[in-house]
Amino acid sequence: MLMFSGDNSGDVDRTGLFGSLRFQATEQASGAVDLSLGVANPTALVVIFVALCAVILLFQLILPVLMKRRQELLEEERALATKGLPHS
């Protein structure tokens, strides 16, 4: 997406993802286009990767607790239903 954004007239030098990815297109004298794509600043990529890993880790830690609580609530509701008590 980064390489196709803009007017594409002449030489193009674009950065994306908080300046961490770089795309450069240079038109040669023969009319050919020289393309270059690379990592300009890996710091943003590392921060995004660490943040994503933290979110996944938190999800994996919280999900079993929530599933256990859900099971407890369902069992409590079943117990109240067998006693004939109204549930909320």
PDB file of N, CA and C in Angstrom:
ATOM      1  N   MET A   1       0.829  -1.178   0.000  1.00  0.00           N
ATOM      2  CA  MET A   1       0.000   0.000   0.000  1.00  0.00           C
ATOM      3  C   MET A   1       0.879   1.251   0.000  1.00  0.00           C
ATOM      4  N   LEU A   2       1.964   1.186   0.733  1.00  0.00           N
ATOM      5  CA  LEU A   2       2.862   2.334   0.853  1.00  0.00           C
ATOM      6  C   LEU A   2       3.447   2.724  -0.496  1.00  0.00           C
ATOM      7  N   MET A   3       3.835   1.742  -1.286  1.00  0.00           N
ATOM      8  CA  MET A   3       4.487   2.062  -2.553  1.00  0.00           C
ATOM      9  C   MET A   3       3.515   2.583  -3.594  1.00  0.00           C
ATOM     10  N   PHE A   4       2.217   2.349  -3.427  1.00  0.00           N
ATOM     11  CA  PHE A   4       1.244   2.807  -4.405  1.00  0.00           C
ATOM     12  C   PHE A   4       0.562   4.103  -4.004  1.00  0.00           C
ATOM     13  N   SER A   5       0.868   4.634  -2.833  1.00  0.00           N
ATOM     14  CA  SER A   5       0.240   5.884  -2.410  1.00  0.00           C
ATOM     15  C   SER A   5       1.000   7.070  -2.990  1.00  0.00           C
ATOM     16  N   GLY A   6       0.301   8.100  -3.339  1.00  0.00           N
ATOM     17  CA  GLY A   6       0.937   9.304  -3.872  1.00  0.00           C
ATOM     18  C   GLY A   6       0.754   9.439  -5.365  1.00  0.00           C
ATOM     19  N   ASP A   7       1.435  10.437  -5.922  1.00  0.00           N
ATOM     20  CA  ASP A   7       1.242  10.757  -7.343  1.00  0.00           C
ATOM     21  C   ASP A   7       2.140   9.950  -8.272  1.00  0.00           C
ATOM     22  N   ASN A   8       3.196   9.329  -7.773  1.00  0.00           N
ATOM     23  CA  ASN A   8       4.095   8.469  -8.547  1.00  0.00           C
ATOM     24  C   ASN A   8       4.784   9.174  -9.717  1.00  0.00           C
ATOM     25  N   SER A   9       4.888  10.477  -9.686  1.00  0.00           N
ATOM     26  CA  SER A   9       5.618  11.179 -10.740  1.00  0.00           C
ATOM     27  C   SER A   9       7.051  11.415 -10.269  1.00  0.00           C
ATOM     28  N   GLY A  10       8.007  10.949 -11.037  1.00  0.00           N
ATOM     29  CA  GLY A  10       9.414  11.122 -10.677  1.00  0.00           C
ATOM     30  C   GLY A  10       9.841  10.142  -9.596  1.00  0.00           C
ATOM     31  N   ASP A  11      10.855  10.550  -8.847  1.00  0.00           N
ATOM     32  CA  ASP A  11      11.366   9.702  -7.775  1.00  0.00           C
ATOM     33  C   ASP A  11      10.429   9.749  -6.575  1.00  0.00           C
ATOM     34  N   VAL A  12      10.252   8.591  -5.933  1.00  0.00           N
ATOM     35  CA  VAL A  12       9.359   8.469  -4.785  1.00  0.00           C
ATOM     36  C   VAL A  12      10.159   7.927  -3.616  1.00  0.00           C
ATOM     37  N   ASP A  13      10.031   8.571  -2.484  1.00  0.00           N
ATOM     38  CA  ASP A  13      10.673   8.110  -1.248  1.00  0.00           C
ATOM     39  C   ASP A  13       9.630   8.207  -0.142  1.00  0.00           C
ATOM     40  N   ARG A  14       9.153   7.064   0.331  1.00  0.00           N
ATOM     41  CA  ARG A  14       8.085   7.036   1.322  1.00  0.00           C
ATOM     42  C   ARG A  14       8.515   6.216   2.534  1.00  0.00           C
ATOM     43  N   THR A  15       7.983   6.608   3.682  1.00  0.00           N
ATOM     44  CA  THR A  15       8.165   5.825   4.902  1.00  0.00           C
ATOM     45  C   THR A  15       6.790   5.528   5.473  1.00  0.00           C
ATOM     46  N   GLY A  16       6.699   4.444   6.228  1.00  0.00           N
ATOM     47  CA  GLY A  16       5.435   4.046   6.827  1.00  0.00           C
ATOM     48  C   GLY A  16       5.646   3.299   8.115  1.00  0.00           C
ATOM     49  N   LEU A  17       4.554   3.003   8.795  1.00  0.00           N
ATOM     50  CA  LEU A  17       4.568   2.299  10.075  1.00  0.00           C
ATOM     51  C   LEU A  17       5.479   3.020  11.067  1.00  0.00           C
ATOM     52  N   PHE A  18       5.153   4.281  11.294  1.00  0.00           N
ATOM     53  CA  PHE A  18       5.885   5.145  12.227  1.00  0.00           C
ATOM     54  C   PHE A  18       7.351   5.323  11.837  1.00  0.00           C
ATOM     55  N   GLY A  19       7.611   5.363  10.549  1.00  0.00           N
ATOM     56  CA  GLY A  19       8.956   5.608  10.047  1.00  0.00           C
ATOM     57  C   GLY A  19       9.869   4.398  10.044  1.00  0.00           C
ATOM     58  N   SER A  20       9.311   3.217  10.281  1.00  0.00           N
ATOM     59  CA  SER A  20      10.166   2.037  10.354  1.00  0.00           C
ATOM     60  C   SER A  20      10.358   1.336   9.005  1.00  0.00           C
ATOM     61  N   LEU A  21       9.401   1.473   8.095  1.00  0.00           N
ATOM     62  CA  LEU A  21       9.540   0.871   6.768  1.00  0.00           C
ATOM     63  C   LEU A  21       9.777   1.961   5.735  1.00  0.00           C
ATOM     64  N   ARG A  22      10.635   1.658   4.751  1.00  0.00           N
ATOM     65  CA  ARG A  22      10.984   2.647   3.732  1.00  0.00           C
ATOM     66  C   ARG A  22      10.807   2.032   2.354  1.00  0.00           C
ATOM     67  N   PHE A  23      10.235   2.838   1.466  1.00  0.00           N
ATOM     68  CA  PHE A  23      10.078   2.445   0.063  1.00  0.00           C
ATOM     69  C   PHE A  23      10.621   3.570  -0.793  1.00  0.00           C
ATOM     70  N   GLN A  24      11.447   3.214  -1.763  1.00  0.00           N
ATOM     71  CA  GLN A  24      12.038   4.217  -2.645  1.00  0.00           C
ATOM     72  C   GLN A  24      11.981   3.705  -4.084  1.00  0.00           C
ATOM     73  N   ALA A  25      11.470   4.545  -4.958  1.00  0.00           N
ATOM     74  CA  ALA A  25      11.424   4.231  -6.387  1.00  0.00           C
ATOM     75  C   ALA A  25      12.143   5.345  -7.130  1.00  0.00           C
ATOM     76  N   THR A  26      13.128   4.981  -7.931  1.00  0.00           N
ATOM     77  CA  THR A  26      13.919   5.947  -8.689  1.00  0.00           C
ATOM     78  C   THR A  26      13.848   5.587 -10.163  1.00  0.00           C
ATOM     79  N   GLU A  27      13.488   6.559 -10.978  1.00  0.00           N
ATOM     80  CA  GLU A  27      13.424   6.316 -12.425  1.00  0.00           C
ATOM     81  C   GLU A  27      14.818   6.489 -13.025  1.00  0.00           C
ATOM     82  N   GLN A  28      15.280   5.478 -13.724  1.00  0.00           N
ATOM     83  CA  GLN A  28      16.594   5.497 -14.352  1.00  0.00           C
ATOM     84  C   GLN A  28      16.518   6.242 -15.682  1.00  0.00           C
ATOM     85  N   ALA A  29      17.661   6.605 -16.226  1.00  0.00           N
ATOM     86  CA  ALA A  29      17.717   7.318 -17.503  1.00  0.00           C
ATOM     87  C   ALA A  29      17.141   6.478 -18.638  1.00  0.00           C
ATOM     88  N   SER A  30      17.247   5.163 -18.526  1.00  0.00           N
ATOM     89  CA  SER A  30      16.741   4.277 -19.579  1.00  0.00           C
ATOM     90  C   SER A  30      15.227   4.103 -19.517  1.00  0.00           C
ATOM     91  N   GLY A  31      14.597   4.663 -18.485  1.00  0.00           N
ATOM     92  CA  GLY A  31      13.151   4.537 -18.319  1.00  0.00           C
ATOM     93  C   GLY A  31      12.762   3.443 -17.354  1.00  0.00           C
ATOM     94  N   ALA A  32      13.718   2.626 -16.936  1.00  0.00           N
ATOM     95  CA  ALA A  32      13.439   1.579 -15.961  1.00  0.00           C
ATOM     96  C   ALA A  32      13.272   2.198 -14.576  1.00  0.00           C
ATOM     97  N   VAL A  33      12.603   1.494 -13.726  1.00  0.00           N
ATOM     98  CA  VAL A  33      12.382   1.976 -12.355  1.00  0.00           C
ATOM     99  C   VAL A  33      13.147   1.081 -11.398  1.00  0.00           C
ATOM    100  N   ASP A  34      13.971   1.684 -10.562  1.00  0.00           N
ATOM    101  CA  ASP A  34      14.736   0.972  -9.547  1.00  0.00           C
ATOM    102  C   ASP A  34      13.950   1.052  -8.244  1.00  0.00           C
ATOM    103  N   LEU A  35      13.571  -0.102  -7.681  1.00  0.00           N
ATOM    104  CA  LEU A  35      12.780  -0.162  -6.456  1.00  0.00           C
ATOM    105  C   LEU A  35      13.636  -0.616  -5.291  1.00  0.00           C
ATOM    106  N   SER A  36      13.393  -0.009  -4.156  1.00  0.00           N
ATOM    107  CA  SER A  36      14.092  -0.382  -2.937  1.00  0.00           C
ATOM    108  C   SER A  36      13.096  -0.361  -1.787  1.00  0.00           C
ATOM    109  N   LEU A  37      13.102  -1.422  -0.990  1.00  0.00           N
ATOM    110  CA  LEU A  37      12.200  -1.544   0.145  1.00  0.00           C
ATOM    111  C   LEU A  37      13.005  -2.097   1.302  1.00  0.00           C
ATOM    112  N   GLY A  38      12.856  -1.500   2.478  1.00  0.00           N
ATOM    113  CA  GLY A  38      13.622  -1.989   3.607  1.00  0.00           C
ATOM    114  C   GLY A  38      13.158  -1.416   4.926  1.00  0.00           C
ATOM    115  N   VAL A  39      13.884  -1.773   5.952  1.00  0.00           N
ATOM    116  CA  VAL A  39      13.602  -1.302   7.308  1.00  0.00           C
ATOM    117  C   VAL A  39      14.488  -0.102   7.580  1.00  0.00           C
ATOM    118  N   ALA A  40      13.853   1.023   7.866  1.00  0.00           N
ATOM    119  CA  ALA A  40      14.603   2.243   8.134  1.00  0.00           C
ATOM    120  C   ALA A  40      14.885   2.410   9.622  1.00  0.00           C
ATOM    121  N   ASN A  41      13.946   2.020  10.469  1.00  0.00           N
ATOM    122  CA  ASN A  41      14.086   2.183  11.909  1.00  0.00           C
ATOM    123  C   ASN A  41      13.416   0.989  12.594  1.00  0.00           C
ATOM    124  N   PRO A  42      14.182   0.020  13.068  1.00  0.00           N
ATOM    125  CA  PRO A  42      13.578  -1.174  13.657  1.00  0.00           C
ATOM    126  C   PRO A  42      12.964  -0.945  15.044  1.00  0.00           C
ATOM    127  N   THR A  43      13.215   0.201  15.662  1.00  0.00           N
ATOM    128  CA  THR A  43      12.704   0.447  17.012  1.00  0.00           C
ATOM    129  C   THR A  43      11.183   0.351  17.061  1.00  0.00           C
ATOM    130  N   ALA A  44      10.498   0.976  16.123  1.00  0.00           N
ATOM    131  CA  ALA A  44       9.037   0.931  16.110  1.00  0.00           C
ATOM    132  C   ALA A  44       8.538  -0.495  15.892  1.00  0.00           C
ATOM    133  N   LEU A  45       9.217  -1.252  15.052  1.00  0.00           N
ATOM    134  CA  LEU A  45       8.813  -2.643  14.829  1.00  0.00           C
ATOM    135  C   LEU A  45       8.964  -3.473  16.099  1.00  0.00           C
ATOM    136  N   VAL A  46      10.036  -3.258  16.830  1.00  0.00           N
ATOM    137  CA  VAL A  46      10.265  -3.990  18.081  1.00  0.00           C
ATOM    138  C   VAL A  46       9.201  -3.610  19.109  1.00  0.00           C
ATOM    139  N   VAL A  47       8.885  -2.325  19.216  1.00  0.00           N
ATOM    140  CA  VAL A  47       7.867  -1.874  20.172  1.00  0.00           C
ATOM    141  C   VAL A  47       6.508  -2.473  19.830  1.00  0.00           C
ATOM    142  N   ILE A  48       6.143  -2.467  18.564  1.00  0.00           N
ATOM    143  CA  ILE A  48       4.868  -3.049  18.144  1.00  0.00           C
ATOM    144  C   ILE A  48       4.842  -4.545  18.429  1.00  0.00           C
ATOM    145  N   PHE A  49       5.930  -5.237  18.156  1.00  0.00           N
ATOM    146  CA  PHE A  49       6.006  -6.677  18.410  1.00  0.00           C
ATOM    147  C   PHE A  49       5.868  -6.979  19.901  1.00  0.00           C
ATOM    148  N   VAL A  50       6.572  -6.229  20.742  1.00  0.00           N
ATOM    149  CA  VAL A  50       6.502  -6.446  22.192  1.00  0.00           C
ATOM    150  C   VAL A  50       5.092  -6.147  22.710  1.00  0.00           C
ATOM    151  N   ALA A  51       4.478  -5.072  22.233  1.00  0.00           N
ATOM    152  CA  ALA A  51       3.118  -4.726  22.664  1.00  0.00           C
ATOM    153  C   ALA A  51       2.130  -5.814  22.243  1.00  0.00           C
ATOM    154  N   LEU A  52       2.270  -6.318  21.035  1.00  0.00           N
ATOM    155  CA  LEU A  52       1.392  -7.382  20.562  1.00  0.00           C
ATOM    156  C   LEU A  52       1.567  -8.654  21.389  1.00  0.00           C
ATOM    157  N   CYS A  53       2.800  -8.990  21.692  1.00  0.00           N
ATOM    158  CA  CYS A  53       3.061 -10.164  22.534  1.00  0.00           C
ATOM    159  C   CYS A  53       2.466  -9.982  23.927  1.00  0.00           C
ATOM    160  N   ALA A  54       2.550  -8.771  24.483  1.00  0.00           N
ATOM    161  CA  ALA A  54       1.981  -8.497  25.804  1.00  0.00           C
ATOM    162  C   ALA A  54       0.466  -8.657  25.791  1.00  0.00           C
ATOM    163  N   VAL A  55      -0.186  -8.173  24.756  1.00  0.00           N
ATOM    164  CA  VAL A  55      -1.638  -8.315  24.652  1.00  0.00           C
ATOM    165  C   VAL A  55      -2.029  -9.787  24.551  1.00  0.00           C
ATOM    166  N   ILE A  56      -1.308 -10.539  23.746  1.00  0.00           N
ATOM    167  CA  ILE A  56      -1.593 -11.971  23.603  1.00  0.00           C
ATOM    168  C   ILE A  56      -1.372 -12.694  24.924  1.00  0.00           C
ATOM    169  N   LEU A  57      -0.303 -12.372  25.626  1.00  0.00           N
ATOM    170  CA  LEU A  57      -0.016 -12.992  26.917  1.00  0.00           C
ATOM    171  C   LEU A  57      -1.113 -12.675  27.928  1.00  0.00           C
ATOM    172  N   LEU A  58      -1.538 -11.418  28.002  1.00  0.00           N
ATOM    173  CA  LEU A  58      -2.614 -11.045  28.916  1.00  0.00           C
ATOM    174  C   LEU A  58      -3.907 -11.785  28.579  1.00  0.00           C
ATOM    175  N   PHE A  59      -4.209 -11.902  27.313  1.00  0.00           N
ATOM    176  CA  PHE A  59      -5.399 -12.634  26.895  1.00  0.00           C
ATOM    177  C   PHE A  59      -5.320 -14.088  27.343  1.00  0.00           C
ATOM    178  N   GLN A  60      -4.154 -14.707  27.179  1.00  0.00           N
ATOM    179  CA  GLN A  60      -3.996 -16.101  27.575  1.00  0.00           C
ATOM    180  C   GLN A  60      -4.067 -16.274  29.091  1.00  0.00           C
ATOM    181  N   LEU A  61      -3.675 -15.269  29.851  1.00  0.00           N
ATOM    182  CA  LEU A  61      -3.753 -15.349  31.305  1.00  0.00           C
ATOM    183  C   LEU A  61      -5.164 -15.091  31.817  1.00  0.00           C
ATOM    184  N   ILE A  62      -5.893 -14.187  31.187  1.00  0.00           N
ATOM    185  CA  ILE A  62      -7.213 -13.792  31.676  1.00  0.00           C
ATOM    186  C   ILE A  62      -8.300 -14.761  31.213  1.00  0.00           C
ATOM    187  N   LEU A  63      -8.189 -15.306  30.025  1.00  0.00           N
ATOM    188  CA  LEU A  63      -9.233 -16.169  29.483  1.00  0.00           C
ATOM    189  C   LEU A  63      -9.557 -17.372  30.370  1.00  0.00           C
ATOM    190  N   PRO A  64      -8.598 -18.136  30.874  1.00  0.00           N
ATOM    191  CA  PRO A  64      -8.956 -19.267  31.739  1.00  0.00           C
ATOM    192  C   PRO A  64      -9.691 -18.831  33.020  1.00  0.00           C
ATOM    193  N   VAL A  65      -9.322 -17.685  33.565  1.00  0.00           N
ATOM    194  CA  VAL A  65      -9.994 -17.183  34.772  1.00  0.00           C
ATOM    195  C   VAL A  65     -11.450 -16.853  34.451  1.00  0.00           C
ATOM    196  N   LEU A  66     -11.674 -16.197  33.325  1.00  0.00           N
ATOM    197  CA  LEU A  66     -13.035 -15.859  32.928  1.00  0.00           C
ATOM    198  C   LEU A  66     -13.859 -17.105  32.610  1.00  0.00           C
ATOM    199  N   MET A  67     -13.248 -18.081  31.965  1.00  0.00           N
ATOM    200  CA  MET A  67     -13.960 -19.321  31.657  1.00  0.00           C
ATOM    201  C   MET A  67     -14.329 -20.074  32.938  1.00  0.00           C
ATOM    202  N   LYS A  68     -13.430 -20.079  33.917  1.00  0.00           N
ATOM    203  CA  LYS A  68     -13.705 -20.731  35.201  1.00  0.00           C
ATOM    204  C   LYS A  68     -14.853 -20.024  35.919  1.00  0.00           C
ATOM    205  N   ARG A  69     -14.844 -18.693  35.919  1.00  0.00           N
ATOM    206  CA  ARG A  69     -15.919 -17.929  36.562  1.00  0.00           C
ATOM    207  C   ARG A  69     -17.249 -18.167  35.856  1.00  0.00           C
ATOM    208  N   ARG A  70     -17.242 -18.253  34.554  1.00  0.00           N
ATOM    209  CA  ARG A  70     -18.463 -18.535  33.793  1.00  0.00           C
ATOM    210  C   ARG A  70     -19.022 -19.893  34.183  1.00  0.00           C
ATOM    211  N   GLN A  71     -18.141 -20.890  34.289  1.00  0.00           N
ATOM    212  CA  GLN A  71     -18.572 -22.231  34.668  1.00  0.00           C
ATOM    213  C   GLN A  71     -19.172 -22.224  36.072  1.00  0.00           C
ATOM    214  N   GLU A  72     -18.573 -21.483  37.007  1.00  0.00           N
ATOM    215  CA  GLU A  72     -19.100 -21.386  38.365  1.00  0.00           C
ATOM    216  C   GLU A  72     -20.489 -20.760  38.365  1.00  0.00           C
ATOM    217  N   LEU A  73     -20.678 -19.726  37.579  1.00  0.00           N
ATOM    218  CA  LEU A  73     -21.983 -19.068  37.512  1.00  0.00           C
ATOM    219  C   LEU A  73     -23.037 -19.988  36.906  1.00  0.00           C
ATOM    220  N   LEU A  74     -22.671 -20.737  35.873  1.00  0.00           N
ATOM    221  CA  LEU A  74     -23.613 -21.684  35.271  1.00  0.00           C
ATOM    222  C   LEU A  74     -23.998 -22.784  36.255  1.00  0.00           C
ATOM    223  N   GLU A  75     -23.020 -23.289  36.999  1.00  0.00           N
ATOM    224  CA  GLU A  75     -23.308 -24.327  37.992  1.00  0.00           C
ATOM    225  C   GLU A  75     -24.191 -23.774  39.110  1.00  0.00           C
ATOM    226  N   GLU A  76     -23.940 -22.539  39.512  1.00  0.00           N
ATOM    227  CA  GLU A  76     -24.766 -21.904  40.540  1.00  0.00           C
ATOM    228  C   GLU A  76     -26.203 -21.735  40.039  1.00  0.00           C
ATOM    229  N   GLU A  77     -26.361 -21.344  38.784  1.00  0.00           N
ATOM    230  CA  GLU A  77     -27.697 -21.178  38.210  1.00  0.00           C
ATOM    231  C   GLU A  77     -28.427 -22.514  38.134  1.00  0.00           C
ATOM    232  N   ARG A  78     -27.709 -23.579  37.755  1.00  0.00           N
ATOM    233  CA  ARG A  78     -28.315 -24.907  37.706  1.00  0.00           C
ATOM    234  C   ARG A  78     -28.743 -25.372  39.093  1.00  0.00           C
ATOM    235  N   ALA A  79     -27.893 -25.094  40.101  1.00  0.00           N
ATOM    236  CA  ALA A  79     -28.227 -25.491  41.469  1.00  0.00           C
ATOM    237  C   ALA A  79     -29.474 -24.762  41.952  1.00  0.00           C
ATOM    238  N   LEU A  80     -29.589 -23.484  41.637  1.00  0.00           N
ATOM    239  CA  LEU A  80     -30.777 -22.729  42.038  1.00  0.00           C
ATOM    240  C   LEU A  80     -32.019 -23.228  41.292  1.00  0.00           C
ATOM    241  N   ALA A  81     -31.858 -23.609  40.037  1.00  0.00           N
ATOM    242  CA  ALA A  81     -32.983 -24.093  39.253  1.00  0.00           C
ATOM    243  C   ALA A  81     -33.483 -25.432  39.783  1.00  0.00           C
ATOM    244  N   THR A  82     -32.602 -26.292  40.257  1.00  0.00           N
ATOM    245  CA  THR A  82     -33.027 -27.600  40.780  1.00  0.00           C
ATOM    246  C   THR A  82     -33.723 -27.438  42.122  1.00  0.00           C
ATOM    247  N   LYS A  83     -33.423 -26.393  42.867  1.00  0.00           N
ATOM    248  CA  LYS A  83     -34.086 -26.134  44.145  1.00  0.00           C
ATOM    249  C   LYS A  83     -35.409 -25.398  43.943  1.00  0.00           C
ATOM    250  N   GLY A  84     -35.661 -24.962  42.727  1.00  0.00           N
ATOM    251  CA  GLY A  84     -36.896 -24.258  42.449  1.00  0.00           C
ATOM    252  C   GLY A  84     -36.853 -22.803  42.819  1.00  0.00           C
ATOM    253  N   LEU A  85     -35.687 -22.267  43.080  1.00  0.00           N
ATOM    254  CA  LEU A  85     -35.548 -20.864  43.433  1.00  0.00           C
ATOM    255  C   LEU A  85     -35.419 -20.033  42.150  1.00  0.00           C
ATOM    256  N   PRO A  86     -35.995 -18.834  42.167  1.00  0.00           N
ATOM    257  CA  PRO A  86     -35.820 -17.986  40.981  1.00  0.00           C
ATOM    258  C   PRO A  86     -34.381 -17.501  40.881  1.00  0.00           C
ATOM    259  N   HIS A  87     -33.912 -17.384  39.679  1.00  0.00           N
ATOM    260  CA  HIS A  87     -32.554 -16.871  39.464  1.00  0.00           C
ATOM    261  C   HIS A  87     -32.628 -15.498  38.866  1.00  0.00           C
ATOM    262  N   SER A  88     -31.558 -14.740  39.034  1.00  0.00           N
ATOM    263  CA  SER A  88     -31.556 -13.379  38.528  1.00  0.00           C
ATOM    264  C   SER A  88     -30.968 -13.277  37.154  1.00  0.00           C
TER     265      SER A  88
END
